[in-house]
Structures are given as structure tokens and as C-alpha cells.
């Protein structure tokens, strides 16, 4: 028969189990505290240390003051009370804050402080937090090594100092925008244009700053596009200050976050007013130079036709009369006379051709369509190339400078076909709409390639005319480079782009038109388009 358990035995068993569970809990708590890298100490209501973790003990053993001063049984606050020198005031303030935490006047208190050793510089953050254990007030003190964070902060501050040193002294205006299009940075140089300090812009959008509606729509469109696409955007805009209008070129650059999304946008704004003025002066000069050149060509053509050609014609007539009366001459003299006659006739032909090419009188008499037809016939006769011609059934007369410019483009394009393309054919097409006139000249030759573009494999497109740096007036990039070349390729041996093409471009620009050249290994297409009315 089994022995019955007495009440006292049952109580002892429960007590033993409870003690074992408490011991296990204490060991788990101790293991947990010792596993933490933060230096932890627990204080009683008077500041005496009643427990520390392994990280605290290891640090105390490796660094002054003596271990006995900062481990169990020592008064933690006494270390702060005994501080002297430069840190005394800060230590006293933190000790007072810890006592306020003990009294429940503060929920917690923290302090960042240096704790340098002979081998390295270190920084710590100490935090004191109040809690209750078995009805008694306790305070946990945690010292965390923040050296890595402090060094990263210092690197960041140094980087920011360098950034501000550069951009704050940059002549261009630098601005940064967040995803709500608010300014998060503006360089001080903005003040020279707006009269407002850079701080005025921070946290505000262009709309809140009162930007004019036209510029606001332009800015918002390009800023949103950068955030959406992650690609750069460039544009031009005008800003009026006092009685003077300024022109600015803006470049917007995306700034990416760690997740790869556009976090902010940096804008670089440059005042290009002087450049625009110089560009306009250059255009006016180029236009005047072309006008003077055409007038000189007209004058030289007239002189050749009226003077030199007439004189050679008279000489040819005299030589013909001599030949009719030269029966008595010996064979050698007769041959010299015949050769002279042939040479004079050739000179007359070339002089008249040169006069025509310098300025075809038929352009003034019959207009562009008649001059193109006559020139195409002459070109085919001189070169032996087949020329296909397509003209409008009812061609209209255009202003003299427009007809002359298009005719010069035709001459240059045909000359390039003759001398560079190697094509056996040429195609000329003129189309007119209510708004513009379009001249196309096509060949089936070897193509051409810009001198600044490496020889590629397939084909390229060269555009002249409309600004590529969009905005009011002409384009910044267009003016700097003179051409845009997208070149997936051209064949080796392609004809280079000569200065004549730049002359064609300038003629189109003067008339508000554009010049395009599409070229690959199968041939070249020159397209000149000008408005019918300006």
C-alpha cells in the first residue's frame, strides 16, 4: 500500500520547484544581459550598483577608474560627483538628472560624452531609465558605444562642408527639390537675381514663392518628369528683374535613394543672357554676311556676263572672221587659229556657267520652281547624272530671300552629290503647304558622317535648325556644337560634312526654318523647310 504525501511535503516540493524556476529565470535574465553589447548596470534608489552585465564588467576591467569603483556595491553617482576639470559641469548635470529619474520627476535622461583611450577616440551615449522591481525603485543605466555613428556623422559633416564650400561660392544657382517639389536647398547666389535670401525658399514650392504661371508650368513639368523617369531634363526660361529680362539654362539631375527611386532632384541654373545676346549678334552678323555675299555674287555674275563674257564673245567673232580669211596660212598656223577659236569658245561657256551659278537670272524672272528646273537640267547635262524632278503643279512665288536660300541649298546639295557621294542619280522634290515650303534632295551614294562622330556600323541622322536645348530662342547645345548627330553608323569612306552644310543651316536659321540630313550607307537625304510667311 502506497504511502500518502503529507501536506508539509507537498509544500516543500512546491517551494523547491518555485526556487528552481526562479533560479532558471535568474540565469536566463543574467544570460540575456550578458549577451548584450551595451554596458548595463542596475542601481537602487540611492545610486548603488546592485548588478552589471558582462560588457560593463569587461569595459571596467580594461579602462579606469578601478573596477571596484564602478561595479556591484559601488555608488554609481559618486563617480559623477567626484568629476573634476572640463567635464565636471556636464557630469554634475547628468548626476542631477539621474537623481530626478529616481524620484520620478523625469521618465529618463541621456547624455553623449567622449571616452577616449590612448589608442583611439571613442564616444558613448548613456541613458538612465526608472523601473520598479518587487516594489522598490530601480534605475537601469545603459552605456552604448556610438563611436561608429559619431565618425559617420563627422564624415557627413565634412562632406556637407565641402558641398557648401563649393556650391555656396558657385556662380550658378544650385537648388534641390523633394518629391513634393519643395526647396530643400538653394545656394546663396539666388539672391543676386531675386533679391531674396536663400532661406526664404526652404520648404516652399515655386508656386508658393509666386513664380509666374508660364515658368511655373515649365518647371513643374520637367521636375515631375525627372521624378518619374529618373532621367536628366534641360530647358530654358526667362526671368525679368527690374527693367531687364534674363535668360537661364536649367539642368535637372535626379538624386537616387538606397531603394533606387528618385529621392530628390538637383537643379543647376545658369544665367546665359550674355551668351544669348552674343548668339543673336552672331546670327545678325551671319545674316548680313550672307546678304553681302549674295549681293557680291550678283555683282560678280553681272560683271562676268556683261563684261568678260561679252569681250570673249567679240574675240570669238574676230577669230571666226580670221579663219574665213586664212586660206593662205600654212597648216600649223591654221591649227593654232582653230585651237584658239575652240579655247575662246570654251572660256565663254565656262564664264557663262560660272555667272549662272553665282546668280541665276532666271531665279528673279521665273521664281524658285523655274530656277530649280533649269538648274536640274543643266546639272544633268554637265555631270551625266540622272536627275528626277518633282515640282508642285501650281508653284507660288516666295520672298526673294526665301527663294534664294532654298536655291543655294539645292546648289550645295547637288554639288555634294557630284563631288562626294558617288551616286549615279539625284532626286529633287519640292512640296508646298499652307504653312511652309519643303525642298528634298536625295541620292543613292555612300553617305556622309559628321567629322566629330566615330565611324559606326549602320546610319546616322544629323539635324540643323530647331534648338535642342529647348526654350525661348535658339538652343544652347545647338549653338555650341552646330549639329546633332545620332550615329548608329556610317560606312568608312563616307563623305565628311563640309562647311557648305553649315552655310545651308545658317540660311535656314535666318528664315526661321530648319535643315535635316538623314544619311546611311544607302544614300543621303537633305531636307530644307522654311515657313511661307514670317
Protein backbone atom coordinates (compact mmCIF):
# COMPACT_ATOMS: atom_id res chain seq x y z
CA UNK A 1 0.00 0.00 0.00
CA UNK A 2 1.47 3.44 -1.18
CA UNK A 3 2.50 5.99 1.37
CA UNK A 4 0.35 9.13 1.36
CA UNK A 5 2.08 12.52 0.81
CA UNK A 6 1.82 14.81 3.84
CA UNK A 7 0.81 18.49 3.42
CA UNK A 8 4.20 19.66 4.60
CA UNK A 9 5.92 17.51 2.00
CA UNK A 10 3.74 18.89 -0.75
CA UNK A 11 4.59 22.43 0.29
CA UNK A 12 8.30 21.66 0.29
CA UNK A 13 8.02 20.27 -3.22
CA UNK A 14 6.24 23.36 -4.48
CA UNK A 15 8.83 25.57 -2.84
CA UNK A 16 11.66 23.65 -4.43
CA UNK A 17 10.03 23.89 -7.84
CA UNK A 18 9.45 27.61 -7.40
CA UNK A 19 13.04 28.09 -6.32
CA UNK A 20 14.24 26.08 -9.31
CA UNK A 21 12.04 28.13 -11.66
CA UNK A 22 13.25 31.36 -10.08
CA UNK A 23 16.82 30.20 -10.44
CA UNK A 24 16.23 29.35 -14.06
CA UNK A 25 14.63 32.76 -14.63
CA UNK A 26 17.56 34.47 -12.91
CA UNK A 27 20.05 32.54 -15.06
CA UNK A 28 18.08 33.42 -18.21
CA UNK A 29 17.97 37.08 -17.23
CA UNK A 30 21.69 37.04 -16.47
CA UNK A 31 22.50 35.29 -19.77
CA UNK A 32 20.33 37.76 -21.63
CA UNK A 33 22.04 40.77 -20.02
CA UNK A 34 25.49 39.27 -20.64
CA UNK A 35 24.65 38.69 -24.31
CA UNK A 36 24.04 42.40 -24.88
CA UNK A 37 26.89 44.56 -26.20
CA UNK A 38 25.55 47.61 -24.38
CA UNK A 39 27.16 48.21 -20.98
CA UNK A 40 24.33 47.79 -18.41
CA UNK A 41 24.14 48.46 -14.67
CA UNK A 42 21.16 48.39 -12.30
CA UNK A 43 21.06 50.91 -9.43
CA UNK A 44 18.99 51.02 -6.29
CA UNK A 45 17.13 54.11 -5.13
CA UNK A 46 20.35 55.60 -3.67
CA UNK A 47 22.54 55.04 -6.74
CA UNK A 48 24.37 51.94 -5.51
CA UNK A 49 25.15 49.42 -8.24
CA UNK A 50 23.41 46.12 -7.50
CA UNK A 51 24.09 44.31 -10.82
CA UNK A 52 26.14 44.76 -14.02
CA UNK A 53 26.39 42.72 -17.21
CA UNK A 54 29.47 41.16 -18.77
CA UNK A 55 30.03 44.02 -21.25
CA UNK A 56 30.07 46.53 -18.35
CA UNK A 57 32.49 44.40 -16.33
CA UNK A 58 34.85 43.81 -19.28
CA UNK A 59 34.97 47.51 -20.11
CA UNK A 60 35.55 48.44 -16.47
CA UNK A 61 38.46 46.00 -16.23
CA UNK A 62 40.10 47.46 -19.35
CA UNK A 63 39.60 51.14 -18.53
CA UNK A 64 39.96 53.41 -15.48
CA UNK A 65 38.66 54.11 -12.85
CA UNK A 66 39.35 50.95 -10.77
CA UNK A 67 36.82 48.13 -11.19
CA UNK A 68 35.73 48.40 -7.55
CA UNK A 69 34.53 51.95 -8.16
CA UNK A 70 32.07 51.03 -10.90
CA UNK A 71 30.80 47.52 -10.10
CA UNK A 72 28.46 45.92 -7.54
CA UNK A 73 28.41 47.70 -4.21
CA UNK A 74 29.88 50.98 -5.55
CA UNK A 75 27.82 54.15 -5.76
CA UNK A 76 27.46 54.97 -9.44
CA UNK A 77 26.61 58.63 -8.81
CA UNK A 78 29.73 59.11 -6.69
CA UNK A 79 31.86 58.81 -9.84
CA UNK A 80 29.99 61.77 -11.36
CA UNK A 81 30.07 63.73 -8.11
CA UNK A 82 33.84 63.32 -7.94
CA UNK A 83 34.46 64.53 -11.51
CA UNK A 84 36.84 67.48 -11.86
CA UNK A 85 38.17 69.57 -14.70
CA UNK A 86 36.47 70.34 -18.02
CA UNK A 87 33.88 67.56 -17.67
CA UNK A 88 32.83 68.40 -14.09
CA UNK A 89 29.87 70.60 -15.03
CA UNK A 90 28.45 68.09 -17.52
CA UNK A 91 28.95 65.19 -15.03
CA UNK A 92 27.17 67.07 -12.25
CA UNK A 93 24.26 67.88 -14.55
CA UNK A 94 23.83 64.22 -15.53
CA UNK A 95 24.06 63.03 -11.88
CA UNK A 96 21.32 65.52 -11.02
CA UNK A 97 19.22 64.22 -13.92
CA UNK A 98 19.65 60.60 -12.75
CA UNK A 99 18.50 61.57 -9.24
CA UNK A 100 15.48 63.25 -10.84
CA UNK A 101 14.75 59.98 -12.65
CA UNK A 102 14.99 58.11 -9.33
CA UNK A 103 12.47 60.49 -7.78
CA UNK A 104 10.12 60.05 -10.74
CA UNK A 105 10.50 63.67 -11.85
CA UNK A 106 11.91 62.53 -15.22
CA UNK A 107 10.99 59.43 -17.20
CA UNK A 108 14.57 59.05 -18.46
CA UNK A 109 17.73 61.03 -19.02
CA UNK A 110 20.57 60.66 -21.55
CA UNK A 111 23.97 62.15 -22.31
CA UNK A 112 26.56 61.82 -25.08
CA UNK A 113 30.16 62.01 -23.89
CA UNK A 114 33.70 61.26 -25.12
CA UNK A 115 35.65 58.45 -23.52
CA UNK A 116 38.95 58.37 -25.36
CA UNK A 117 41.69 55.87 -24.70
CA UNK A 118 45.37 56.14 -25.52
CA UNK A 119 44.81 54.16 -28.71
CA UNK A 120 41.57 55.56 -30.11
CA UNK A 121 38.90 58.17 -29.80
CA UNK A 122 35.56 56.86 -28.54
CA UNK A 123 32.11 58.29 -27.85
CA UNK A 124 29.31 56.86 -25.74
CA UNK A 125 25.68 57.59 -25.10
CA UNK A 126 24.43 56.91 -21.55
CA UNK A 127 20.72 56.59 -20.76
CA UNK A 128 19.12 56.21 -17.30
CA UNK A 129 15.60 54.74 -17.06
CA UNK A 130 13.46 54.18 -13.93
CA UNK A 131 11.52 50.96 -13.20
CA UNK A 132 10.13 49.00 -10.23
CA UNK A 133 11.27 45.60 -9.01
CA UNK A 134 9.48 43.92 -6.06
CA UNK A 135 8.04 47.28 -5.06
CA UNK A 136 11.44 49.01 -4.94
CA UNK A 137 12.66 51.78 -7.23
CA UNK A 138 15.39 50.70 -9.60
CA UNK A 139 17.27 52.51 -12.35
CA UNK A 140 18.88 50.80 -15.36
CA UNK A 141 21.90 52.66 -16.73
CA UNK A 142 22.95 51.77 -20.30
CA UNK A 143 26.22 52.97 -21.85
CA UNK A 144 26.25 52.40 -25.63
CA UNK A 145 29.35 52.82 -27.80
CA UNK A 146 28.37 55.26 -30.58
CA UNK A 147 31.87 55.78 -32.00
CA UNK A 148 30.91 54.42 -35.43
CA UNK A 149 27.89 56.71 -35.61
CA UNK A 150 29.89 59.73 -34.48
CA UNK A 151 32.54 59.05 -37.11
CA UNK A 152 29.86 58.66 -39.79
CA UNK A 153 28.32 61.92 -38.63
CA UNK A 154 31.68 63.63 -38.82
CA UNK A 155 32.27 62.29 -42.35
CA UNK A 156 28.81 63.55 -43.29
CA UNK A 157 29.51 66.97 -41.76
CA UNK A 158 32.84 67.16 -43.60
CA UNK A 159 31.10 66.22 -46.84
CA UNK A 160 28.43 68.85 -46.22
CA UNK A 161 31.11 71.46 -45.50
CA UNK A 162 32.83 70.66 -48.79
CA UNK A 163 29.49 70.73 -50.61
CA UNK A 164 28.60 74.12 -49.16
CA UNK A 165 32.10 75.47 -49.80
CA UNK A 166 31.68 74.63 -53.49
CA UNK A 167 28.04 75.42 -54.15
CA UNK A 168 27.83 78.46 -51.87
CA UNK A 169 30.57 80.07 -53.96
CA UNK A 170 29.31 78.75 -57.29
CA UNK A 171 28.22 81.47 -59.75
CA UNK A 172 25.34 79.27 -60.91
CA UNK A 173 22.27 78.85 -58.75
CA UNK A 174 22.02 75.38 -57.20
CA UNK A 175 18.63 74.20 -55.94
CA UNK A 176 17.41 70.85 -54.62
CA UNK A 177 13.78 69.71 -54.56
CA UNK A 178 11.96 66.96 -52.66
CA UNK A 179 9.19 64.79 -54.09
CA UNK A 180 6.59 67.45 -53.23
CA UNK A 181 8.63 69.93 -55.35
CA UNK A 182 9.61 71.89 -52.25
CA UNK A 183 13.03 73.52 -51.99
CA UNK A 184 15.33 71.65 -49.62
CA UNK A 185 18.42 73.65 -50.55
CA UNK A 186 19.12 76.84 -52.50
CA UNK A 187 22.58 78.34 -52.93
CA UNK A 188 23.17 81.94 -51.81
CA UNK A 189 23.77 83.09 -55.40
CA UNK A 190 19.98 83.13 -55.93
CA UNK A 191 19.92 86.45 -54.11
CA UNK A 192 21.71 88.32 -56.89
CA UNK A 193 18.78 87.61 -59.22
CA UNK A 194 15.74 87.67 -56.93
CA UNK A 195 16.92 89.88 -54.07
CA UNK A 196 15.71 87.21 -51.62
CA UNK A 197 17.97 85.26 -49.22
CA UNK A 198 18.27 81.54 -49.82
CA UNK A 199 16.49 80.76 -46.55
CA UNK A 200 13.29 82.24 -47.97
CA UNK A 201 12.97 79.31 -50.38
CA UNK A 202 13.41 76.43 -47.94
CA UNK A 203 10.33 74.25 -47.51
CA UNK A 204 8.40 76.12 -50.19
CA UNK A 205 7.36 75.26 -53.73
CA UNK A 206 7.81 77.56 -56.70
CA UNK A 207 4.07 78.17 -56.65
CA UNK A 208 4.18 79.26 -53.00
CA UNK A 209 7.03 81.61 -53.90
CA UNK A 210 4.86 83.30 -56.54
CA UNK A 211 6.65 82.13 -59.69
CA UNK A 212 4.86 83.41 -62.86
CA UNK A 213 2.39 80.89 -64.31
CA UNK A 214 4.34 80.24 -67.53
CA UNK A 215 7.60 79.47 -65.76
CA UNK A 216 5.79 77.53 -63.02
CA UNK A 217 4.20 75.18 -65.57
CA UNK A 218 7.59 74.69 -67.26
CA UNK A 219 9.41 73.94 -64.00
CA UNK A 220 6.75 71.60 -62.63
CA UNK A 221 6.58 69.67 -65.91
CA UNK A 222 10.32 69.00 -66.01
CA UNK A 223 10.67 68.33 -62.27
CA UNK A 224 7.86 65.75 -62.33
CA UNK A 225 9.37 64.13 -65.42
CA UNK A 226 12.72 63.67 -63.64
CA UNK A 227 10.98 62.07 -60.64
CA UNK A 228 9.00 59.78 -62.96
CA UNK A 229 11.75 58.75 -65.40
CA UNK A 230 14.99 59.14 -63.44
CA UNK A 231 16.47 60.89 -66.48
CA UNK A 232 18.03 64.34 -66.76
CA UNK A 233 15.99 67.23 -68.09
CA UNK A 234 17.17 70.55 -69.50
CA UNK A 235 15.25 73.64 -70.53
CA UNK A 236 15.47 77.41 -70.77
CA UNK A 237 13.29 80.07 -69.22
CA UNK A 238 13.14 83.85 -68.95
CA UNK A 239 13.10 85.80 -65.71
CA UNK A 240 12.54 89.52 -65.55
CA UNK A 241 14.44 91.53 -62.98
CA UNK A 242 13.68 95.26 -62.76
CA UNK A 243 13.74 96.51 -66.34
CA UNK A 244 15.89 93.70 -67.75
CA UNK A 245 14.97 90.20 -68.87
CA UNK A 246 17.39 87.38 -68.06
CA UNK A 247 17.57 84.04 -69.85
CA UNK A 248 18.53 80.97 -67.83
CA UNK A 249 19.51 77.45 -68.85
CA UNK A 250 18.45 74.81 -66.33
CA UNK A 251 19.73 71.28 -65.91
CA UNK A 252 17.78 68.95 -63.58
CA UNK A 253 19.63 65.89 -62.26
CA UNK A 254 17.98 63.02 -60.33
CA UNK A 255 19.33 62.04 -56.90
CA UNK A 256 18.62 58.40 -56.05
CA UNK A 257 17.90 56.86 -52.66
CA UNK A 258 19.09 53.47 -51.40
CA UNK A 259 15.99 51.82 -52.88
CA UNK A 260 16.89 53.07 -56.36
CA UNK A 261 13.98 55.51 -56.54
CA UNK A 262 14.47 59.23 -57.23
CA UNK A 263 14.64 60.78 -53.78
CA UNK A 264 15.29 64.38 -54.78
CA UNK A 265 16.27 66.49 -57.77
CA UNK A 266 19.17 68.90 -58.08
CA UNK A 267 18.79 71.87 -60.39
CA UNK A 268 21.72 73.83 -61.83
CA UNK A 269 20.56 77.18 -63.18
CA UNK A 270 22.93 79.28 -65.29
CA UNK A 271 22.42 82.82 -66.49
CA UNK A 272 23.01 82.69 -70.26
CA UNK A 273 21.75 86.19 -71.04
CA UNK A 274 25.13 87.39 -72.31
CA UNK A 275 25.53 84.22 -74.35
CA UNK A 276 22.09 84.71 -75.89
CA UNK A 277 22.89 88.31 -76.76
CA UNK A 278 26.19 87.27 -78.33
CA UNK A 279 24.39 84.49 -80.17
CA UNK A 280 21.82 86.91 -81.56
CA UNK A 281 24.57 89.34 -82.58
CA UNK A 282 26.37 86.50 -84.34
CA UNK A 283 23.19 85.49 -86.14
CA UNK A 284 22.60 89.03 -87.29
CA UNK A 285 26.20 89.22 -88.45
CA UNK A 286 25.86 85.87 -90.25
CA UNK A 287 22.68 87.05 -91.91
CA UNK A 288 24.32 90.27 -93.02
CA UNK A 289 27.36 88.34 -94.23
CA UNK A 290 25.15 86.06 -96.32
CA UNK A 291 23.27 89.06 -97.72
CA UNK A 292 26.53 90.82 -98.65
CA UNK A 293 27.86 87.59 -100.14
CA UNK A 294 24.76 87.17 -102.31
CA UNK A 295 24.94 90.78 -103.42
CA UNK A 296 28.59 90.35 -104.31
CA UNK A 297 27.80 87.18 -106.22
CA UNK A 298 25.10 89.05 -108.10
CA UNK A 299 27.53 91.86 -108.92
CA UNK A 300 30.33 89.48 -110.00
CA UNK A 301 27.88 87.44 -112.09
CA UNK A 302 26.70 90.59 -113.84
CA UNK A 303 30.29 91.74 -114.44
CA UNK A 304 31.23 88.34 -115.86
CA UNK A 305 28.19 88.30 -118.11
CA UNK A 306 28.25 91.92 -119.24
CA UNK A 307 32.00 92.48 -119.49
CA UNK A 308 34.18 89.38 -119.59
CA UNK A 309 31.73 87.16 -121.48
CA UNK A 310 30.92 89.93 -123.97
CA UNK A 311 34.61 90.58 -124.55
CA UNK A 312 35.28 86.89 -125.12
CA UNK A 313 32.30 86.71 -127.47
CA UNK A 314 33.78 89.59 -129.51
CA UNK A 315 37.14 87.85 -129.55
CA UNK A 316 35.45 84.64 -130.74
CA UNK A 317 33.78 86.60 -133.54
CA UNK A 318 37.11 88.11 -134.62
CA UNK A 319 38.73 84.69 -134.64
CA UNK A 320 35.90 83.39 -136.82
CA UNK A 321 36.49 86.22 -139.29
CA UNK A 322 40.21 85.43 -139.32
CA UNK A 323 39.50 81.77 -140.02
CA UNK A 324 37.36 82.65 -143.03
CA UNK A 325 40.26 84.69 -144.43
CA UNK A 326 43.06 82.29 -143.50
CA UNK A 327 43.25 80.20 -146.67
CA UNK A 328 46.80 81.34 -147.31
CA UNK A 329 48.10 80.33 -143.89
CA UNK A 330 50.26 77.26 -143.51
CA UNK A 331 48.71 74.19 -141.81
CA UNK A 332 50.40 74.89 -138.48
CA UNK A 333 49.04 78.44 -138.30
CA UNK A 334 45.59 77.24 -139.30
CA UNK A 335 45.67 74.72 -136.43
CA UNK A 336 46.76 77.38 -133.93
CA UNK A 337 43.92 79.61 -135.10
CA UNK A 338 41.39 76.78 -134.78
CA UNK A 339 42.68 75.84 -131.32
CA UNK A 340 42.41 79.49 -130.24
CA UNK A 341 38.85 79.61 -131.51
CA UNK A 342 37.98 76.45 -129.55
CA UNK A 343 39.69 77.76 -126.39
CA UNK A 344 37.81 81.05 -126.56
CA UNK A 345 34.51 79.23 -127.08
CA UNK A 346 35.25 77.04 -124.05
CA UNK A 347 36.09 80.12 -121.95
CA UNK A 348 32.82 81.78 -122.99
CA UNK A 349 30.91 78.65 -121.98
CA UNK A 350 32.63 78.41 -118.59
CA UNK A 351 32.26 82.11 -117.88
CA UNK A 352 28.55 81.95 -118.61
CA UNK A 353 28.20 78.82 -116.43
CA UNK A 354 30.07 80.47 -113.57
CA UNK A 355 27.95 83.59 -113.92
CA UNK A 356 24.82 81.47 -113.80
CA UNK A 357 25.97 79.54 -110.75
CA UNK A 358 26.91 82.74 -108.93
CA UNK A 359 23.44 84.16 -109.51
CA UNK A 360 20.96 82.64 -111.97
CA UNK A 361 18.94 85.49 -113.52
CA UNK A 362 16.13 83.03 -114.13
CA UNK A 363 15.56 82.95 -110.34
CA UNK A 364 14.42 86.60 -110.48
CA UNK A 365 12.47 86.08 -113.70
CA UNK A 366 10.65 82.74 -113.18
CA UNK A 367 10.94 82.14 -109.44
CA UNK A 368 12.16 79.13 -107.48
CA UNK A 369 10.37 76.41 -109.46
CA UNK A 370 11.65 77.68 -112.82
CA UNK A 371 15.19 78.12 -111.47
CA UNK A 372 15.21 74.61 -109.99
CA UNK A 373 14.00 73.07 -113.27
CA UNK A 374 16.63 74.99 -115.27
CA UNK A 375 19.41 74.15 -112.79
CA UNK A 376 18.46 70.46 -112.70
CA UNK A 377 18.61 70.26 -116.49
CA UNK A 378 21.99 71.98 -116.55
CA UNK A 379 23.34 69.78 -113.74
CA UNK A 380 22.27 66.60 -115.53
CA UNK A 381 23.86 67.85 -118.78
CA UNK A 382 27.15 68.82 -117.10
CA UNK A 383 27.56 65.72 -114.90
CA UNK A 384 25.81 62.96 -116.82
CA UNK A 385 23.82 62.00 -113.72
CA UNK A 386 20.15 61.14 -113.97
CA UNK A 387 18.05 63.76 -112.18
CA UNK A 388 14.43 63.08 -111.19
CA UNK A 389 12.42 66.23 -110.56
CA UNK A 390 9.06 66.67 -108.82
CA UNK A 391 7.60 70.20 -108.56
CA UNK A 392 4.20 71.42 -107.35
CA UNK A 393 1.64 71.80 -110.15
CA UNK A 394 0.94 75.40 -109.10
CA UNK A 395 4.14 76.74 -107.55
CA UNK A 396 3.83 80.01 -105.63
CA UNK A 397 6.29 82.87 -105.66
CA UNK A 398 8.12 83.36 -102.38
CA UNK A 399 10.02 86.31 -100.93
CA UNK A 400 13.28 86.86 -102.73
CA UNK A 401 15.47 85.86 -99.76
CA UNK A 402 13.48 82.64 -99.28
CA UNK A 403 13.79 81.59 -102.92
CA UNK A 404 17.48 82.43 -102.92
CA UNK A 405 18.15 80.47 -99.71
CA UNK A 406 16.38 77.35 -100.98
CA UNK A 407 18.17 77.61 -104.31
CA UNK A 408 21.54 77.82 -102.52
CA UNK A 409 20.65 74.70 -100.52
CA UNK A 410 19.85 72.93 -103.80
CA UNK A 411 23.17 74.00 -105.31
CA UNK A 412 25.16 72.82 -102.29
CA UNK A 413 23.31 69.50 -102.07
CA UNK A 414 23.83 68.76 -105.77
CA UNK A 415 27.49 69.76 -105.51
CA UNK A 416 27.93 67.26 -102.64
CA UNK A 417 26.29 64.56 -104.75
CA UNK A 418 28.60 65.32 -107.67
CA UNK A 419 31.86 65.52 -105.71
CA UNK A 420 31.40 63.22 -102.70
CA UNK A 421 28.53 60.76 -102.84
CA UNK A 422 29.46 58.56 -105.80
CA UNK A 423 25.76 58.35 -106.67
CA UNK A 424 24.64 57.95 -110.28
CA UNK A 425 21.27 59.56 -109.60
CA UNK A 426 19.79 62.57 -107.87
CA UNK A 427 16.18 63.19 -106.88
CA UNK A 428 14.72 66.67 -106.29
CA UNK A 429 11.30 67.21 -104.78
CA UNK A 430 9.56 70.46 -103.80
CA UNK A 431 6.35 70.36 -101.75
CA UNK A 432 4.31 73.30 -100.53
CA UNK A 433 1.61 73.53 -97.86
CA UNK A 434 -0.33 76.43 -96.47
CA UNK A 435 2.39 76.90 -93.84
CA UNK A 436 5.74 76.00 -95.34
CA UNK A 437 7.86 75.02 -98.34
CA UNK A 438 9.87 71.78 -98.24
CA UNK A 439 12.83 71.01 -100.52
CA UNK A 440 14.19 67.44 -100.60
CA UNK A 441 17.38 66.35 -102.38
CA UNK A 442 18.18 62.63 -102.29
CA UNK A 443 20.99 60.47 -103.65
CA UNK A 444 21.92 56.78 -103.57
CA UNK A 445 25.59 57.21 -102.74
CA UNK A 446 27.90 56.23 -99.92
CA UNK A 447 26.50 58.61 -97.28
CA UNK A 448 28.18 61.19 -95.10
CA UNK A 449 29.31 61.27 -91.48
CA UNK A 450 29.97 64.20 -89.11
CA UNK A 451 33.68 64.77 -88.55
CA UNK A 452 33.21 64.65 -84.79
CA UNK A 453 31.43 61.27 -84.78
CA UNK A 454 33.37 57.97 -84.97
CA UNK A 455 32.62 55.81 -87.99
CA UNK A 456 29.78 53.47 -86.92
CA UNK A 457 28.06 50.47 -88.44
CA UNK A 458 24.63 51.46 -89.75
CA UNK A 459 23.48 55.06 -90.22
CA UNK A 460 23.10 58.46 -88.69
CA UNK A 461 20.80 61.42 -88.52
CA UNK A 462 22.05 64.98 -88.47
CA UNK A 463 19.67 67.81 -87.64
CA UNK A 464 20.20 71.52 -88.04
CA UNK A 465 17.79 74.26 -87.10
CA UNK A 466 15.42 73.95 -84.14
CA UNK A 467 17.03 74.35 -80.70
CA UNK A 468 17.96 71.12 -78.96
CA UNK A 469 18.25 72.88 -75.57
CA UNK A 470 14.57 73.76 -75.58
CA UNK A 471 13.30 77.12 -74.50
CA UNK A 472 12.87 80.60 -75.82
CA UNK A 473 15.11 81.48 -78.72
CA UNK A 474 17.89 79.32 -80.10
CA UNK A 475 19.32 76.32 -78.38
CA UNK A 476 22.39 76.31 -76.18
CA UNK A 477 23.64 72.95 -77.42
CA UNK A 478 22.79 73.83 -80.99
CA UNK A 479 24.81 76.99 -80.83
CA UNK A 480 27.77 75.29 -79.19
CA UNK A 481 28.05 72.30 -81.46
CA UNK A 482 26.35 73.38 -84.66
CA UNK A 483 24.89 69.93 -85.22
CA UNK A 484 23.27 67.00 -83.56
CA UNK A 485 24.47 63.63 -84.80
CA UNK A 486 22.86 60.38 -83.73
CA UNK A 487 25.09 57.82 -85.34
CA UNK A 488 24.41 54.17 -85.05
CA UNK A 489 26.66 54.13 -88.09
CA UNK A 490 28.06 55.12 -91.40
CA UNK A 491 30.41 53.34 -93.70
CA UNK A 492 34.12 54.04 -93.84
CA UNK A 493 34.96 56.34 -96.68
CA UNK A 494 31.80 58.37 -96.14
CA UNK A 495 31.98 61.95 -97.26
CA UNK A 496 32.69 64.38 -94.41
CA UNK A 497 30.31 67.18 -93.53
CA UNK A 498 31.78 70.26 -95.17
CA UNK A 499 31.43 73.95 -94.38
CA UNK A 500 28.78 74.24 -97.08
CA UNK A 501 26.36 72.36 -94.82
CA UNK A 502 26.87 74.92 -92.09
CA UNK A 503 26.09 77.63 -94.63
CA UNK A 504 22.87 75.82 -95.53
CA UNK A 505 21.95 75.57 -91.88
CA UNK A 506 22.55 79.27 -91.29
CA UNK A 507 20.42 80.24 -94.28
CA UNK A 508 17.55 78.16 -92.91
CA UNK A 509 18.02 79.59 -89.43
CA UNK A 510 17.85 83.15 -90.75
CA UNK A 511 14.45 82.37 -92.25
CA UNK A 512 13.11 80.56 -89.18
CA UNK A 513 13.36 77.21 -90.96
CA UNK A 514 15.31 74.04 -90.37
CA UNK A 515 17.72 71.74 -92.16
CA UNK A 516 17.78 67.96 -91.70
CA UNK A 517 20.21 65.46 -93.15
CA UNK A 518 19.45 61.74 -92.99
CA UNK A 519 22.30 59.58 -94.16
CA UNK A 520 23.41 55.96 -94.15
CA UNK A 521 25.31 53.60 -96.43
CA UNK A 522 22.41 53.63 -98.91
CA UNK A 523 22.46 57.38 -99.56
CA UNK A 524 21.70 60.82 -98.18
CA UNK A 525 18.52 62.87 -97.92
CA UNK A 526 18.75 66.65 -97.42
CA UNK A 527 15.52 68.31 -96.28
CA UNK A 528 15.17 72.10 -96.09
CA UNK A 529 11.92 73.52 -94.70
CA UNK A 530 11.03 77.20 -94.42
CA UNK A 531 7.79 78.95 -93.47
CA UNK A 532 5.91 80.61 -96.33
CA UNK A 533 5.27 83.69 -94.21
CA UNK A 534 7.35 85.19 -91.43
